Protein backbone atom coordinates (compact mmCIF):
# COMPACT_ATOMS: atom_id res chain seq x y z
CA MET A 1 197.21 -88.84 0.97
CA PRO A 2 200.13 -86.05 1.98
CA SER A 3 202.29 -85.38 -0.66
CA GLU A 4 206.27 -86.32 -0.17
CA SER A 5 206.57 -82.63 0.61
CA GLY A 6 204.37 -83.10 3.64
CA GLN A 7 201.91 -80.53 2.20
CA THR A 8 198.34 -81.51 1.10
CA PRO A 9 197.87 -82.90 -2.34
CA PRO A 10 195.76 -81.49 -5.05
CA ALA A 11 192.46 -82.07 -5.43
CA LEU A 12 191.66 -85.76 -7.33
CA GLU A 13 189.85 -85.98 -10.83
CA ARG A 14 188.52 -88.13 -12.70
CA PRO A 15 190.31 -90.16 -15.07
CA ARG A 16 189.79 -89.60 -18.50
CA GLU A 17 188.99 -92.71 -21.34
CA LEU A 18 191.98 -94.82 -22.53
CA PRO A 19 192.74 -93.97 -26.09
CA ARG A 20 192.79 -97.63 -26.95
CA SER A 21 196.01 -97.19 -29.21
CA LEU A 22 198.05 -95.52 -26.39
CA LEU A 23 199.73 -98.46 -25.14
CA PRO A 24 200.15 -100.15 -28.63
CA ASP A 25 202.05 -96.60 -29.53
CA VAL A 26 203.84 -96.48 -26.21
CA VAL A 27 205.32 -100.09 -27.39
CA ARG A 28 205.91 -98.97 -30.87
CA ARG A 29 208.66 -96.08 -29.57
CA ARG A 30 210.97 -99.39 -28.85
CA ALA A 31 211.98 -98.28 -25.59
CA PRO A 32 211.53 -101.40 -23.07
CA VAL A 33 208.56 -100.60 -20.69
CA LEU A 34 207.45 -101.49 -17.49
CA LEU A 35 203.42 -103.18 -17.60
CA THR A 36 202.21 -103.76 -14.20
CA LEU A 37 198.58 -104.78 -13.25
CA ASP A 38 197.04 -105.35 -9.72
CA TYR A 39 194.99 -108.82 -9.98
CA ASP A 40 191.30 -108.63 -8.25
CA GLY A 41 188.98 -106.24 -10.31
CA THR A 42 191.63 -105.51 -12.99
CA LEU A 43 192.53 -108.92 -14.42
CA SER A 44 189.60 -110.56 -12.74
CA PRO A 45 185.97 -109.13 -12.16
CA ILE A 46 185.41 -109.05 -8.43
CA VAL A 47 183.38 -112.04 -7.43
CA SER A 48 181.77 -112.12 -3.70
CA ASP A 49 184.25 -115.38 -2.69
CA PRO A 50 188.05 -114.41 -3.46
CA ALA A 51 188.82 -117.71 -4.15
CA ARG A 52 186.57 -118.40 -6.91
CA ALA A 53 188.16 -114.88 -8.60
CA VAL A 54 189.36 -116.37 -11.59
CA PRO A 55 190.75 -114.42 -14.58
CA ALA A 56 188.74 -112.50 -17.23
CA PRO A 57 188.77 -114.44 -20.61
CA GLY A 58 191.53 -114.11 -22.28
CA ALA A 59 193.38 -112.40 -19.28
CA THR A 60 195.37 -115.65 -19.27
CA GLN A 61 196.39 -115.68 -22.97
CA ALA A 62 196.98 -112.61 -22.96
CA LEU A 63 200.12 -112.06 -20.26
CA ALA A 64 201.69 -115.36 -22.11
CA ARG A 65 201.80 -114.05 -25.08
CA LEU A 66 203.07 -110.62 -23.28
CA ALA A 67 205.80 -112.67 -21.25
CA ARG A 68 206.94 -113.71 -24.92
CA HIS A 69 208.68 -110.47 -25.72
CA PRO A 70 210.88 -109.27 -22.36
CA LYS A 71 213.54 -107.65 -24.41
CA ALA A 72 210.25 -104.84 -25.19
CA LEU A 73 208.79 -105.25 -21.75
CA ALA A 74 208.97 -105.98 -17.90
CA LEU A 75 205.71 -108.00 -17.64
CA ALA A 76 204.50 -107.74 -13.13
CA VAL A 77 201.48 -108.22 -11.19
CA ILE A 78 201.35 -106.55 -7.73
CA SER A 79 198.51 -107.66 -5.91
CA GLY A 80 197.28 -108.02 -2.02
CA ARG A 81 196.99 -112.14 -2.76
CA ASP A 82 200.04 -114.17 -2.19
CA ILE A 83 202.09 -115.27 -4.89
CA ASP A 84 201.09 -118.97 -4.37
CA GLN A 85 197.26 -118.09 -4.87
CA LEU A 86 198.45 -115.88 -7.96
CA ARG A 87 200.47 -118.51 -9.45
CA ARG A 88 197.64 -121.00 -9.23
CA LEU A 89 194.78 -118.09 -10.08
CA LEU A 90 197.17 -117.14 -13.10
CA GLY A 91 199.07 -120.11 -14.82
CA VAL A 92 201.85 -118.09 -16.30
CA ASP A 93 205.17 -118.28 -14.36
CA PHE A 94 207.49 -117.58 -17.12
CA GLY A 95 208.01 -113.91 -17.72
CA LEU A 96 206.02 -112.31 -15.38
CA THR A 97 207.15 -110.73 -12.03
CA MET A 98 205.01 -111.06 -9.07
CA LEU A 99 204.43 -108.91 -5.71
CA GLY A 100 202.50 -110.78 -3.36
CA VAL A 101 200.53 -109.52 -0.49
CA HIS A 102 200.90 -105.56 -1.63
CA GLY A 103 204.54 -106.22 -2.36
CA ALA A 104 205.69 -107.64 1.08
CA GLU A 105 207.03 -110.75 -1.43
CA ILE A 106 208.43 -110.92 -4.73
CA LEU A 107 208.71 -114.08 -7.21
CA GLU A 108 211.23 -112.92 -9.79
CA ALA A 109 210.81 -113.71 -13.60
CA ASP A 110 213.74 -116.38 -12.99
CA GLY A 111 211.60 -118.38 -10.76
CA SER A 112 213.78 -117.08 -7.15
CA ARG A 113 211.48 -115.75 -4.49
CA ARG A 114 211.81 -113.68 -1.71
CA LEU A 115 211.33 -111.47 0.95
CA ILE A 116 211.65 -107.52 0.09
CA GLU A 117 212.66 -106.40 3.38
CA ASP A 118 213.26 -108.20 6.88
CA LEU A 119 209.49 -108.55 8.49
CA GLY A 120 210.96 -108.43 12.08
CA GLY A 121 208.09 -108.74 14.60
CA VAL A 122 205.50 -108.91 11.83
CA PRO A 123 205.20 -112.88 12.38
CA ASN A 124 203.87 -112.53 15.93
CA ALA A 125 201.73 -109.22 15.19
CA LEU A 126 200.02 -111.27 13.31
CA ASP A 127 199.60 -114.27 15.29
CA LYS A 128 197.36 -111.67 17.45
CA VAL A 129 195.52 -111.14 15.00
CA ARG A 130 194.60 -114.25 14.34
CA GLU A 131 193.90 -115.23 17.22
CA TRP A 132 191.54 -112.48 17.66
CA LEU A 133 189.69 -113.13 14.37
CA ARG A 134 189.21 -116.86 15.94
CA ALA A 135 187.60 -115.37 19.31
CA ASN A 136 185.49 -112.61 18.43
CA VAL A 137 184.53 -113.11 14.33
CA PRO A 138 180.96 -115.15 13.76
CA GLU A 139 180.69 -118.25 11.72
CA GLN A 140 178.07 -118.64 9.34
CA ALA A 141 177.67 -115.05 9.40
CA GLY A 142 178.83 -113.64 6.00
CA PHE A 143 182.47 -113.16 6.86
CA VAL A 144 185.59 -114.34 5.53
CA VAL A 145 188.87 -114.52 6.87
CA GLU A 146 191.68 -114.61 4.49
CA ASP A 147 194.72 -115.72 5.67
CA LYS A 148 198.11 -115.15 3.28
CA ARG A 149 200.63 -115.75 5.69
CA LEU A 150 202.49 -112.15 5.39
CA SER A 151 199.04 -110.80 6.39
CA VAL A 152 195.08 -111.80 7.55
CA ALA A 153 192.38 -109.97 5.91
CA LEU A 154 188.65 -109.54 7.06
CA HIS A 155 186.21 -109.80 3.81
CA TYR A 156 182.84 -108.47 5.05
CA ARG A 157 181.37 -108.33 1.50
CA ASN A 158 178.64 -110.70 2.25
CA ALA A 159 177.76 -109.79 5.68
CA GLU A 160 175.14 -107.71 6.77
CA ALA A 161 175.19 -104.00 6.90
CA LYS A 162 175.67 -103.33 10.57
CA ALA A 163 177.36 -106.20 11.61
CA ALA A 164 180.06 -105.55 9.04
CA GLU A 165 180.68 -101.92 10.42
CA ARG A 166 180.96 -103.20 13.80
CA PHE A 167 182.57 -105.83 13.47
CA LYS A 168 185.43 -103.68 10.54
CA LEU A 169 185.54 -100.85 13.55
CA ALA A 170 186.63 -103.38 16.25
CA PHE A 171 189.16 -104.96 13.69
CA GLU A 172 190.71 -101.84 12.94
CA SER A 173 191.48 -100.28 16.34
CA PHE A 174 192.87 -104.23 16.82
CA VAL A 175 195.08 -103.76 14.31
CA ALA A 176 196.00 -100.38 15.39
CA ALA A 177 196.88 -101.30 18.98
CA GLN A 178 199.61 -103.57 17.86
CA GLY A 179 202.42 -101.17 17.35
CA PRO A 180 204.43 -100.21 14.52
CA GLN A 181 205.11 -103.57 12.86
CA LEU A 182 201.27 -103.60 11.17
CA ARG A 183 199.25 -100.80 9.35
CA LEU A 184 195.55 -101.42 8.65
CA GLY A 185 195.02 -101.72 4.64
CA ARG A 186 191.28 -101.12 2.95
CA GLY A 187 190.03 -102.05 0.44
CA LYS A 188 186.76 -103.13 -1.48
CA MET A 189 184.34 -104.59 1.48
CA VAL A 190 187.83 -105.89 2.99
CA VAL A 191 190.17 -104.17 5.80
CA GLU A 192 193.24 -106.15 6.36
CA ALA A 193 196.26 -106.14 8.73
CA MET A 194 199.81 -106.07 6.83
CA PRO A 195 203.36 -104.91 7.82
CA ARG A 196 204.29 -101.69 7.77
CA GLY A 197 206.08 -101.67 4.75
CA ALA A 198 203.32 -103.24 2.39
CA ASP A 199 202.47 -100.46 0.15
CA LYS A 200 202.04 -100.62 -3.69
CA GLY A 201 203.46 -97.54 -4.05
CA ARG A 202 206.83 -98.70 -3.11
CA ALA A 203 206.14 -101.56 -5.28
CA ILE A 204 205.87 -99.66 -8.42
CA ARG A 205 208.71 -97.76 -6.82
CA PHE A 206 211.05 -100.89 -5.95
CA LEU A 207 209.86 -101.93 -9.91
CA ARG A 208 211.32 -99.06 -11.58
CA ALA A 209 214.05 -98.62 -9.65
CA ARG A 210 215.07 -102.15 -10.98
CA PHE A 211 214.38 -101.51 -14.15
CA ARG A 212 215.31 -98.48 -15.16
CA PHE A 213 213.22 -98.06 -18.24
CA ASP A 214 212.94 -94.46 -19.80
CA ALA A 215 209.56 -95.24 -21.42
CA PRO A 216 206.65 -94.51 -18.78
CA ALA A 217 205.65 -97.19 -16.37
CA VAL A 218 202.08 -98.10 -16.83
CA TYR A 219 199.87 -99.66 -13.74
CA PHE A 220 196.44 -100.51 -13.92
CA GLY A 221 194.18 -100.63 -10.90
CA ASP A 222 190.62 -101.08 -9.73
CA ASP A 223 191.04 -100.52 -5.65
CA ILE A 224 191.87 -97.83 -2.81
CA THR A 225 195.14 -99.65 -2.90
CA ASP A 226 196.13 -99.24 -5.99
CA GLU A 227 195.81 -95.38 -5.58
CA ASP A 228 199.23 -95.68 -3.59
CA ALA A 229 200.61 -96.75 -7.07
CA PHE A 230 198.87 -94.00 -9.14
CA TYR A 231 200.19 -91.77 -6.66
CA ALA A 232 203.60 -93.14 -7.09
CA LEU A 233 203.80 -92.72 -10.86
CA ARG A 234 201.78 -89.31 -10.90
CA ASP A 235 204.75 -87.81 -13.00
CA GLY A 236 205.08 -89.47 -15.82
CA GLY A 237 203.46 -92.89 -15.62
CA ILE A 238 200.79 -93.68 -17.43
CA THR A 239 198.39 -94.75 -14.95
CA VAL A 240 194.86 -96.90 -15.58
CA ARG A 241 191.59 -97.42 -13.24
CA VAL A 242 189.57 -99.85 -14.03
CA GLY A 243 186.25 -99.26 -12.92
CA ASP A 244 183.83 -96.14 -12.36
CA SER A 245 185.01 -93.19 -12.96
CA ALA A 246 185.80 -91.74 -9.10
CA PRO A 247 188.01 -89.16 -8.43
CA SER A 248 191.72 -90.57 -8.79
CA TRP A 249 195.66 -90.28 -9.21
CA ALA A 250 195.09 -92.33 -12.29
CA LYS A 251 194.77 -90.23 -15.64
CA PHE A 252 192.99 -92.92 -17.45
CA ARG A 253 190.37 -95.15 -16.85
CA VAL A 254 188.43 -98.96 -18.59
CA ALA A 255 185.11 -99.75 -17.64
CA SER A 256 186.28 -103.30 -16.66
CA PRO A 257 188.85 -106.30 -16.51
CA THR A 258 187.36 -107.12 -20.32
CA GLU A 259 188.65 -103.83 -21.43
CA VAL A 260 191.59 -104.68 -19.97
CA VAL A 261 192.45 -107.77 -21.60
CA GLU A 262 191.28 -105.90 -24.72
CA THR A 263 194.39 -103.43 -24.42
CA LEU A 264 196.69 -106.42 -23.29
CA THR A 265 195.66 -108.22 -26.43
CA ALA A 266 196.12 -105.07 -28.62
CA VAL A 267 199.83 -104.23 -26.92
CA ALA A 268 200.58 -108.18 -27.91
CA ASP A 269 199.40 -107.35 -31.16
CA ALA A 270 201.68 -104.67 -31.42
CA LEU A 271 204.77 -106.66 -30.56
CA GLU A 272 204.18 -109.53 -32.71
CA ARG A 273 203.90 -107.40 -35.52
CA ARG A 274 206.53 -105.17 -34.64
CA ARG A 275 209.18 -108.78 -34.25
CA THR A 276 207.46 -109.93 -37.61
CA VAL A 277 209.03 -106.29 -39.33
CA ASP A 278 212.29 -106.52 -37.36
């Protein structure tokens, strides 16, 4: 990933374990905090069928508790999923900002909804991608096509390895040939055609500009696409990789969505104690 100056960035490092008191301590500073999370692999365990990726036990309750403290933190989820899916899966609307399709669309905490930018020729380009997938990807072969309206993803987790590699490369080539409207996203066992401006790093910068809090912005994520957000927050942010300790732009890590929920619950506890004292 190139740096903003165009130079090669320094080598990635393995993130440190997240001290359990870190985020509650940030909250106790009494400066409003931007707390942002990915969904799949972060709030929900990774599963073979994306439609069955329900929140980890306690995740929805923790988010609902955090959403009751809008003066203490701005709470947001940035996901590759579309907003309708996020709303259905999370079941939390009040006090939660959602950015879907890697930041292409936004549902504000007050319920208003819009695209972050004009998508121009993106719909026509995505229609060509849909046609290619219908014509080329075999049914009953372990592939799952996920149509999010503003992007189209090809999941190959359950496909035979050689076939997965073949169709992944063909899909990548086709998307690249569609011109500047689209870019290719790569994640854990998935490739995706998405709007050129859809980027989690750009999404987190959008949120930081929106809220302008003095406290460090916090971001939890687990996937390749989350590295864009980690990189955007490399100076002063609190970035947390969920899962293994592979080299990352994240400064900290937790082992699983279960530990994410434990951390969010600790933050909610700290906020509720603070309210009692106040």
